Amino acid sequence: MTRFRSWALPLLGAVTALAVWWSATAVFGIRSFFLPAPPDIVEAFRRQPAYLLREAGSTVAVTVTGFGIAVVAGLLLAMTLTAWRALERATLPVLVALNSVPKVAVAPLLVVWLGFGAQPKIVLVVLICFFPVVVATMAGLTSTPAELSELSRSLSASVWQAYVKIRLPWALPQMFVGLKVGISLAVIGAVVAEINNPTGGLGAVIVLSGMSFDTPLAFAAITLLAVLSTTLFYLVVLLERLLVPWARAISG
């Protein structure tokens, strides 16, 4: 029954939302130019499936590439900062200040600096999801219980052994919190970059369909973005359950 509810309730919520949306467009006579009904969005996808899937692939490539770079760089920086606390005190305020800069304001400058193409989009994805990975990883690496540290010393474990066997595994649940936040932000960053640099991707589809007043096509692109973001998020959740199966038991 628990497993049934885990997928049945979200499905019921999605079906209810679609029914309310469809009913509102029919009852109030809303034209598809302003708010297309679900069948209009399906028809827009059926008109240009190859185009939408190609642009979705472009968005996926930018998102995954930027997220991968941010994860590797964020994990390495977090491990470095937690190993040298003086460096952390000197660097963390700078990171916080850089993260406070609105990424939307940086997107046009990246086009100026890096030109058109995938590079400025990937850089924006890295910038927007790098900080959550760093903060979550640092929180995990600095939250090792004192009793576990005492246990490692009583067993004469080296610093490296204690790090690999105790600190790193204990930090994994917090790391995955940062990864789940980061992958959601990565899709947002990719779309923001594509809207500012509409040379490809679903963000470009939204811009170009808006210019041609094709609202159903824009909603079809938005729907694909929602599916893409949800899929990537649950892939990270699946990876967490495979690598850290004990995390749910501890949190429970």
Protein backbone atom coordinates (compact mmCIF):
# COMPACT_ATOMS: atom_id res chain seq x y z
CA MET A 1 0.00 0.00 0.00
CA THR A 2 2.86 2.40 0.77
CA ARG A 3 4.46 1.79 -2.62
CA PHE A 4 1.10 2.20 -4.31
CA ARG A 5 0.56 5.55 -2.65
CA SER A 6 4.09 6.69 -3.52
CA TRP A 7 3.27 6.74 -7.24
CA ALA A 8 -0.54 6.87 -7.25
CA LEU A 9 -0.87 10.10 -5.25
CA PRO A 10 1.54 12.14 -7.45
CA LEU A 11 -0.21 10.74 -10.53
CA LEU A 12 -3.59 11.70 -9.11
CA GLY A 13 -2.34 15.21 -8.38
CA ALA A 14 -1.02 15.63 -11.92
CA VAL A 15 -4.26 14.36 -13.48
CA THR A 16 -6.31 16.67 -11.26
CA ALA A 17 -4.18 19.68 -12.22
CA LEU A 18 -4.58 18.87 -15.92
CA ALA A 19 -8.34 18.44 -15.52
CA VAL A 20 -8.70 21.80 -13.75
CA TRP A 21 -6.54 23.48 -16.41
CA TRP A 22 -8.53 21.95 -19.28
CA SER A 23 -11.86 22.76 -17.63
CA ALA A 24 -10.85 26.38 -17.03
CA THR A 25 -9.96 26.92 -20.68
CA ALA A 26 -13.26 25.37 -21.78
CA VAL A 27 -15.56 27.02 -19.22
CA PHE A 28 -14.12 30.54 -19.55
CA GLY A 29 -13.52 30.28 -23.29
CA ILE A 30 -9.83 31.14 -23.05
CA ARG A 31 -8.23 31.22 -26.49
CA SER A 32 -5.13 29.12 -27.08
CA PHE A 33 -3.21 32.29 -27.92
CA PHE A 34 -3.40 33.24 -24.22
CA LEU A 35 -3.56 29.84 -22.49
CA PRO A 36 -3.59 26.70 -24.63
CA ALA A 37 -5.48 23.67 -23.38
CA PRO A 38 -3.60 20.36 -22.95
CA PRO A 39 -4.84 19.05 -26.35
CA ASP A 40 -3.44 22.17 -28.04
CA ILE A 41 -0.04 21.48 -26.49
CA VAL A 42 -0.16 17.85 -27.63
CA GLU A 43 -1.05 18.99 -31.13
CA ALA A 44 1.85 21.46 -31.13
CA PHE A 45 4.21 18.64 -30.22
CA ARG A 46 2.75 16.40 -32.93
CA ARG A 47 3.31 19.15 -35.50
CA GLN A 48 7.06 19.44 -34.81
CA PRO A 49 8.26 16.46 -32.77
CA ALA A 50 11.69 16.24 -34.40
CA TYR A 51 12.36 19.95 -33.84
CA LEU A 52 11.32 19.87 -30.19
CA LEU A 53 13.25 16.68 -29.41
CA ARG A 54 16.37 18.04 -31.12
CA GLU A 55 16.24 21.23 -29.08
CA ALA A 56 15.50 19.22 -25.94
CA GLY A 57 18.67 17.22 -26.64
CA SER A 58 20.61 20.47 -26.86
CA THR A 59 19.26 21.58 -23.49
CA VAL A 60 20.07 18.21 -21.94
CA ALA A 61 23.65 18.38 -23.24
CA VAL A 62 24.20 21.87 -21.80
CA THR A 63 22.55 20.96 -18.50
CA VAL A 64 24.43 17.70 -17.94
CA THR A 65 27.79 19.13 -19.03
CA GLY A 66 27.52 22.20 -16.81
CA PHE A 67 26.20 20.17 -13.88
CA GLY A 68 29.01 17.65 -14.21
CA ILE A 69 31.65 20.38 -14.19
CA ALA A 70 29.99 22.08 -11.20
CA VAL A 71 29.84 18.81 -9.25
CA VAL A 72 33.51 17.95 -9.80
CA ALA A 73 34.70 21.50 -9.07
CA GLY A 74 32.33 21.91 -6.11
CA LEU A 75 33.35 18.64 -4.45
CA LEU A 76 37.06 19.36 -4.88
CA LEU A 77 36.73 22.90 -3.52
CA ALA A 78 34.61 21.78 -0.56
CA MET A 79 37.13 19.07 0.36
CA THR A 80 39.95 21.58 0.10
CA LEU A 81 38.20 24.21 2.23
CA THR A 82 37.28 21.74 4.96
CA ALA A 83 40.86 20.48 5.07
CA TRP A 84 42.33 24.00 5.52
CA ARG A 85 40.12 26.08 7.78
CA ALA A 86 42.20 29.24 7.30
CA LEU A 87 41.61 28.96 3.55
CA GLU A 88 37.90 28.46 4.22
CA ARG A 89 37.68 31.65 6.30
CA ALA A 90 39.49 33.57 3.57
CA THR A 91 37.55 32.12 0.61
CA LEU A 92 33.99 31.52 1.77
CA PRO A 93 32.98 35.23 1.99
CA VAL A 94 34.19 35.70 -1.59
CA LEU A 95 32.12 32.72 -2.74
CA VAL A 96 29.05 34.06 -0.95
CA ALA A 97 29.52 37.47 -2.56
CA LEU A 98 29.91 35.94 -6.02
CA ASN A 99 26.86 33.75 -5.52
CA SER A 100 24.76 36.78 -4.53
CA VAL A 101 25.23 38.29 -8.00
CA PRO A 102 22.05 37.60 -10.03
CA LYS A 103 22.95 35.08 -12.72
CA VAL A 104 20.45 36.64 -15.13
CA ALA A 105 22.60 39.78 -15.08
CA VAL A 106 25.70 37.76 -15.92
CA ALA A 107 24.17 35.88 -18.88
CA PRO A 108 24.50 38.73 -21.45
CA LEU A 109 28.09 39.36 -20.36
CA LEU A 110 28.98 35.71 -20.92
CA VAL A 111 27.82 36.06 -24.51
CA VAL A 112 30.11 39.09 -24.90
CA TRP A 113 33.07 37.28 -23.34
CA LEU A 114 32.61 33.81 -24.84
CA GLY A 115 30.58 34.45 -27.98
CA PHE A 116 27.55 32.58 -29.23
CA GLY A 117 27.34 28.83 -28.87
CA ALA A 118 27.34 26.33 -26.05
CA GLN A 119 30.23 27.74 -23.98
CA PRO A 120 28.40 30.68 -22.31
CA LYS A 121 25.42 28.44 -21.60
CA ILE A 122 27.56 25.79 -19.92
CA VAL A 123 29.39 28.42 -17.86
CA LEU A 124 26.09 29.87 -16.63
CA VAL A 125 24.91 26.40 -15.60
CA VAL A 126 28.17 25.92 -13.68
CA LEU A 127 27.79 29.26 -11.94
CA ILE A 128 24.20 28.69 -10.91
CA CYS A 129 24.57 25.19 -9.41
CA PHE A 130 28.17 25.33 -8.13
CA PHE A 131 27.46 27.04 -4.80
CA PRO A 132 24.80 24.59 -3.48
CA VAL A 133 27.16 21.69 -4.14
CA VAL A 134 30.00 23.40 -2.25
CA VAL A 135 27.87 24.40 0.75
CA ALA A 136 26.13 21.03 1.10
CA THR A 137 29.41 19.11 0.81
CA MET A 138 31.12 21.32 3.37
CA ALA A 139 28.18 20.86 5.75
CA GLY A 140 28.45 17.10 5.39
CA LEU A 141 32.22 16.94 5.82
CA THR A 142 32.11 19.07 8.98
CA SER A 143 29.23 17.20 10.64
CA THR A 144 31.01 13.95 11.50
CA PRO A 145 29.93 12.90 15.03
CA ALA A 146 32.65 13.22 17.66
CA GLU A 147 32.19 9.61 18.73
CA LEU A 148 33.06 8.36 15.25
CA SER A 149 36.20 10.48 15.24
CA GLU A 150 37.12 9.07 18.64
CA LEU A 151 36.51 5.56 17.32
CA SER A 152 38.84 6.09 14.37
CA ARG A 153 41.60 7.36 16.68
CA SER A 154 41.14 4.44 19.06
CA LEU A 155 41.58 2.06 16.13
CA SER A 156 44.79 3.88 15.11
CA ALA A 157 43.32 4.84 11.74
CA SER A 158 45.37 7.22 9.63
CA VAL A 159 43.97 10.60 8.61
CA TRP A 160 43.32 9.28 5.11
CA GLN A 161 41.60 6.14 6.39
CA ALA A 162 39.39 8.15 8.74
CA TYR A 163 38.52 10.52 5.88
CA VAL A 164 37.62 7.76 3.40
CA LYS A 165 35.97 5.35 5.82
CA ILE A 166 34.15 7.77 8.13
CA ARG A 167 34.00 11.44 7.08
CA LEU A 168 33.23 10.91 3.40
CA PRO A 169 30.50 8.26 3.86
CA TRP A 170 28.89 10.33 6.63
CA ALA A 171 28.89 13.38 4.34
CA LEU A 172 27.25 11.59 1.38
CA PRO A 173 23.61 12.31 2.37
CA GLN A 174 24.38 16.02 2.67
CA MET A 175 26.28 15.91 -0.63
CA PHE A 176 23.25 14.49 -2.36
CA VAL A 177 21.10 17.28 -0.93
CA GLY A 178 23.37 19.70 -2.78
CA LEU A 179 23.27 17.57 -5.93
CA LYS A 180 19.45 17.48 -5.94
CA VAL A 181 19.26 21.24 -5.50
CA GLY A 182 21.99 21.72 -8.10
CA ILE A 183 20.39 19.58 -10.82
CA SER A 184 17.14 21.53 -10.53
CA LEU A 185 19.02 24.82 -10.76
CA ALA A 186 21.07 23.49 -13.68
CA VAL A 187 17.97 23.21 -15.87
CA ILE A 188 16.95 26.75 -14.88
CA GLY A 189 20.43 28.02 -15.70
CA ALA A 190 20.38 26.32 -19.10
CA VAL A 191 17.02 27.88 -19.98
CA VAL A 192 18.10 31.35 -18.82
CA ALA A 193 21.22 31.06 -20.95
CA GLU A 194 19.23 29.87 -23.98
CA ILE A 195 16.75 32.72 -23.65
CA ASN A 196 19.61 35.24 -23.58
CA ASN A 197 21.44 33.40 -26.36
CA PRO A 198 18.67 31.81 -28.46
CA THR A 199 20.85 29.80 -30.83
CA GLY A 200 19.45 26.45 -29.70
CA GLY A 201 17.68 24.59 -26.93
CA LEU A 202 14.18 24.71 -25.50
CA GLY A 203 14.76 28.23 -24.17
CA ALA A 204 15.31 29.35 -27.74
CA VAL A 205 12.11 27.58 -28.78
CA ILE A 206 10.19 29.58 -26.16
CA VAL A 207 11.69 32.86 -27.39
CA LEU A 208 11.12 32.15 -31.09
CA SER A 209 7.58 30.81 -30.60
CA GLY A 210 6.75 33.91 -28.55
CA MET A 211 7.98 36.11 -31.39
CA SER A 212 5.77 34.18 -33.83
CA PHE A 213 2.79 34.16 -31.40
CA ASP A 214 2.76 30.36 -31.31
CA THR A 215 1.79 29.95 -27.65
CA PRO A 216 1.00 26.21 -27.84
CA LEU A 217 4.52 25.54 -29.14
CA ALA A 218 5.98 27.57 -26.27
CA PHE A 219 3.93 25.54 -23.79
CA ALA A 220 5.08 22.33 -25.47
CA ALA A 221 8.68 23.42 -24.86
CA ILE A 222 7.85 24.33 -21.25
CA THR A 223 6.25 20.91 -20.75
CA LEU A 224 9.37 19.20 -22.08
CA LEU A 225 11.46 21.28 -19.67
CA ALA A 226 9.29 20.15 -16.76
CA VAL A 227 9.67 16.52 -17.84
CA LEU A 228 13.42 16.98 -18.28
CA SER A 229 13.90 18.62 -14.87
CA THR A 230 11.80 15.99 -13.11
CA THR A 231 13.63 13.13 -14.83
CA LEU A 232 17.09 14.47 -13.98
CA PHE A 233 16.06 15.08 -10.36
CA TYR A 234 14.82 11.53 -9.88
CA LEU A 235 17.91 10.13 -11.57
CA VAL A 236 19.93 11.82 -8.83
CA VAL A 237 17.51 10.41 -6.24
CA LEU A 238 17.99 6.94 -7.74
CA LEU A 239 21.76 7.35 -7.63
CA GLU A 240 21.49 8.39 -3.98
CA ARG A 241 19.47 5.30 -3.10
CA LEU A 242 22.02 3.08 -4.87
CA LEU A 243 25.09 4.67 -3.26
CA VAL A 244 23.66 5.60 0.14
CA PRO A 245 20.96 3.02 0.91
CA TRP A 246 21.42 3.52 4.66
CA ALA A 247 20.70 7.25 4.62
CA ARG A 248 16.91 6.87 4.82
CA ALA A 249 17.18 4.49 7.78
CA ILE A 250 19.34 6.99 9.68
CA SER A 251 17.05 9.93 8.89
CA GLY A 252 14.01 7.89 9.86
